Amino acid sequence: MKKDKLTQKVISTRKRISAKKEKELKEKLKEAIRILTQEFKPKRIFLIGSLAKDKVHYSSDIDLYKTG
């Protein structure tokens, strides 16, 4: 019983952390795109990695690829 409650608590905590991290990354993503667009005027900017795949975790970051 105790192990099940602990497991559920760990899962719940990880979900909260992931949701908070995802929100934070999306805010930073907007700013990064704005800066890249102003400074480098790329033809395209691609989002890759865990944020693009909707698999954000506590150590996720923003992975961008630009062309042009």
N, C-alpha and C. Protein backbone atom coordinates (compact mmCIF):
# COMPACT_ATOMS: atom_id res chain seq x y z
N MET A 1 0.81 -1.20 0.00
CA MET A 1 0.00 0.00 0.00
C MET A 1 0.86 1.27 0.00
N LYS A 2 1.82 1.35 0.90
CA LYS A 2 2.64 2.55 1.01
C LYS A 2 3.41 2.80 -0.28
N LYS A 3 3.87 1.72 -0.91
CA LYS A 3 4.62 1.86 -2.15
C LYS A 3 3.73 2.45 -3.25
N ASP A 4 2.49 2.01 -3.33
CA ASP A 4 1.57 2.55 -4.33
C ASP A 4 1.32 4.04 -4.12
N LYS A 5 1.15 4.47 -2.89
CA LYS A 5 0.94 5.89 -2.60
C LYS A 5 2.18 6.71 -2.95
N LEU A 6 3.34 6.16 -2.64
CA LEU A 6 4.59 6.85 -2.95
C LEU A 6 4.76 6.96 -4.46
N THR A 7 4.48 5.88 -5.17
CA THR A 7 4.58 5.90 -6.63
C THR A 7 3.65 6.94 -7.22
N GLN A 8 2.43 7.00 -6.75
CA GLN A 8 1.46 7.97 -7.24
C GLN A 8 1.91 9.40 -6.94
N LYS A 9 2.50 9.60 -5.77
CA LYS A 9 2.99 10.93 -5.40
C LYS A 9 4.14 11.34 -6.31
N VAL A 10 5.04 10.42 -6.60
CA VAL A 10 6.17 10.70 -7.49
C VAL A 10 5.66 11.04 -8.89
N ILE A 11 4.73 10.27 -9.39
CA ILE A 11 4.15 10.51 -10.73
C ILE A 11 3.47 11.86 -10.77
N SER A 12 2.70 12.17 -9.75
CA SER A 12 1.99 13.45 -9.68
C SER A 12 2.97 14.62 -9.64
N THR A 13 4.02 14.48 -8.87
CA THR A 13 5.04 15.53 -8.77
C THR A 13 5.73 15.74 -10.10
N ARG A 14 6.09 14.66 -10.77
CA ARG A 14 6.75 14.76 -12.07
C ARG A 14 5.85 15.44 -13.10
N LYS A 15 4.56 15.14 -13.07
CA LYS A 15 3.63 15.78 -14.00
C LYS A 15 3.55 17.27 -13.75
N ARG A 16 3.50 17.67 -12.48
CA ARG A 16 3.46 19.10 -12.15
C ARG A 16 4.74 19.81 -12.60
N ILE A 17 5.87 19.17 -12.36
CA ILE A 17 7.15 19.76 -12.77
C ILE A 17 7.19 19.88 -14.29
N SER A 18 6.76 18.85 -14.98
CA SER A 18 6.77 18.88 -16.45
C SER A 18 5.85 19.97 -16.99
N ALA A 19 4.69 20.13 -16.40
CA ALA A 19 3.75 21.16 -16.85
C ALA A 19 4.33 22.55 -16.63
N LYS A 20 4.94 22.75 -15.48
CA LYS A 20 5.56 24.05 -15.17
C LYS A 20 6.73 24.31 -16.12
N LYS A 21 7.53 23.29 -16.35
CA LYS A 21 8.69 23.42 -17.25
C LYS A 21 8.23 23.71 -18.67
N GLU A 22 7.17 23.04 -19.12
CA GLU A 22 6.66 23.26 -20.47
C GLU A 22 6.17 24.69 -20.64
N LYS A 23 5.46 25.20 -19.67
CA LYS A 23 4.98 26.58 -19.74
C LYS A 23 6.16 27.56 -19.82
N GLU A 24 7.15 27.33 -18.97
CA GLU A 24 8.35 28.18 -18.95
C GLU A 24 9.07 28.13 -20.30
N LEU A 25 9.23 26.94 -20.85
CA LEU A 25 9.92 26.79 -22.13
C LEU A 25 9.16 27.46 -23.27
N LYS A 26 7.85 27.36 -23.26
CA LYS A 26 7.06 27.97 -24.33
C LYS A 26 7.17 29.50 -24.29
N GLU A 27 7.24 30.06 -23.09
CA GLU A 27 7.43 31.51 -22.97
C GLU A 27 8.81 31.91 -23.51
N LYS A 28 9.82 31.15 -23.16
CA LYS A 28 11.18 31.43 -23.64
C LYS A 28 11.29 31.19 -25.14
N LEU A 29 10.54 30.23 -25.64
CA LEU A 29 10.55 29.93 -27.08
C LEU A 29 10.07 31.13 -27.88
N LYS A 30 9.00 31.75 -27.44
CA LYS A 30 8.48 32.94 -28.12
C LYS A 30 9.54 34.03 -28.20
N GLU A 31 10.23 34.23 -27.09
CA GLU A 31 11.27 35.26 -27.05
C GLU A 31 12.45 34.88 -27.96
N ALA A 32 12.83 33.63 -27.95
CA ALA A 32 13.93 33.17 -28.80
C ALA A 32 13.60 33.35 -30.28
N ILE A 33 12.39 33.03 -30.66
CA ILE A 33 11.97 33.20 -32.06
C ILE A 33 11.96 34.67 -32.44
N ARG A 34 11.49 35.51 -31.54
CA ARG A 34 11.48 36.95 -31.80
C ARG A 34 12.90 37.47 -32.04
N ILE A 35 13.81 37.07 -31.18
CA ILE A 35 15.20 37.52 -31.31
C ILE A 35 15.84 36.99 -32.59
N LEU A 36 15.67 35.71 -32.85
CA LEU A 36 16.24 35.12 -34.08
C LEU A 36 15.70 35.81 -35.33
N THR A 37 14.41 36.07 -35.33
CA THR A 37 13.78 36.70 -36.48
C THR A 37 14.32 38.12 -36.70
N GLN A 38 14.45 38.87 -35.63
CA GLN A 38 14.96 40.25 -35.75
C GLN A 38 16.44 40.29 -36.12
N GLU A 39 17.23 39.45 -35.50
CA GLU A 39 18.68 39.52 -35.69
C GLU A 39 19.18 38.83 -36.96
N PHE A 40 18.58 37.70 -37.32
CA PHE A 40 19.12 36.89 -38.40
C PHE A 40 18.20 36.77 -39.62
N LYS A 41 16.94 37.14 -39.47
CA LYS A 41 15.96 37.07 -40.54
C LYS A 41 16.01 35.73 -41.29
N PRO A 42 15.83 34.63 -40.57
CA PRO A 42 15.89 33.31 -41.21
C PRO A 42 14.68 33.07 -42.11
N LYS A 43 14.85 32.18 -43.07
CA LYS A 43 13.72 31.79 -43.91
C LYS A 43 12.75 30.94 -43.11
N ARG A 44 13.30 30.04 -42.31
CA ARG A 44 12.48 29.16 -41.48
C ARG A 44 13.17 28.89 -40.15
N ILE A 45 12.36 28.64 -39.14
CA ILE A 45 12.85 28.21 -37.83
C ILE A 45 12.06 26.95 -37.47
N PHE A 46 12.79 25.90 -37.16
CA PHE A 46 12.17 24.63 -36.79
C PHE A 46 12.40 24.35 -35.31
N LEU A 47 11.36 23.91 -34.64
CA LEU A 47 11.45 23.46 -33.26
C LEU A 47 11.67 21.96 -33.30
N ILE A 48 12.73 21.49 -32.65
CA ILE A 48 13.01 20.05 -32.61
C ILE A 48 13.20 19.64 -31.15
N GLY A 49 13.32 18.39 -30.89
CA GLY A 49 13.57 17.90 -29.54
C GLY A 49 12.31 17.63 -28.74
N SER A 50 12.48 17.53 -27.43
CA SER A 50 11.38 17.10 -26.56
C SER A 50 10.20 18.07 -26.56
N LEU A 51 10.45 19.36 -26.68
CA LEU A 51 9.36 20.34 -26.70
C LEU A 51 8.52 20.17 -27.96
N ALA A 52 9.17 19.89 -29.08
CA ALA A 52 8.45 19.69 -30.34
C ALA A 52 7.62 18.41 -30.30
N LYS A 53 8.13 17.42 -29.59
CA LYS A 53 7.46 16.12 -29.52
C LYS A 53 6.45 16.04 -28.37
N ASP A 54 6.29 17.15 -27.67
CA ASP A 54 5.39 17.21 -26.51
C ASP A 54 5.77 16.18 -25.45
N LYS A 55 7.09 16.04 -25.24
CA LYS A 55 7.61 15.11 -24.23
C LYS A 55 8.57 15.85 -23.30
N VAL A 56 8.10 16.96 -22.77
CA VAL A 56 8.92 17.80 -21.90
C VAL A 56 9.16 17.09 -20.57
N HIS A 57 10.40 17.20 -20.09
CA HIS A 57 10.77 16.66 -18.78
C HIS A 57 11.63 17.70 -18.06
N TYR A 58 12.01 17.41 -16.84
CA TYR A 58 12.67 18.43 -16.02
C TYR A 58 13.96 18.97 -16.61
N SER A 59 14.65 18.20 -17.44
CA SER A 59 15.91 18.70 -18.01
C SER A 59 15.77 19.13 -19.48
N SER A 60 14.54 19.30 -19.94
CA SER A 60 14.30 19.73 -21.31
C SER A 60 14.82 21.15 -21.53
N ASP A 61 15.20 21.40 -22.77
CA ASP A 61 15.60 22.75 -23.17
C ASP A 61 14.94 23.06 -24.50
N ILE A 62 15.31 24.17 -25.11
CA ILE A 62 14.74 24.57 -26.39
C ILE A 62 15.74 24.26 -27.49
N ASP A 63 15.31 23.46 -28.43
CA ASP A 63 16.16 23.09 -29.57
C ASP A 63 15.56 23.67 -30.84
N LEU A 64 16.29 24.59 -31.45
CA LEU A 64 15.83 25.24 -32.67
C LEU A 64 16.83 25.01 -33.80
N TYR A 65 16.30 24.96 -35.01
CA TYR A 65 17.12 24.84 -36.22
C TYR A 65 16.61 25.91 -37.18
N LYS A 66 17.52 26.71 -37.73
CA LYS A 66 17.08 27.76 -38.65
C LYS A 66 17.73 27.54 -40.01
N THR A 67 17.02 28.01 -41.03
CA THR A 67 17.56 27.98 -42.39
C THR A 67 17.56 29.40 -42.93
N GLY A 68 18.51 29.66 -43.79
CA GLY A 68 18.57 30.95 -44.46
C GLY A 68 19.12 32.07 -43.69
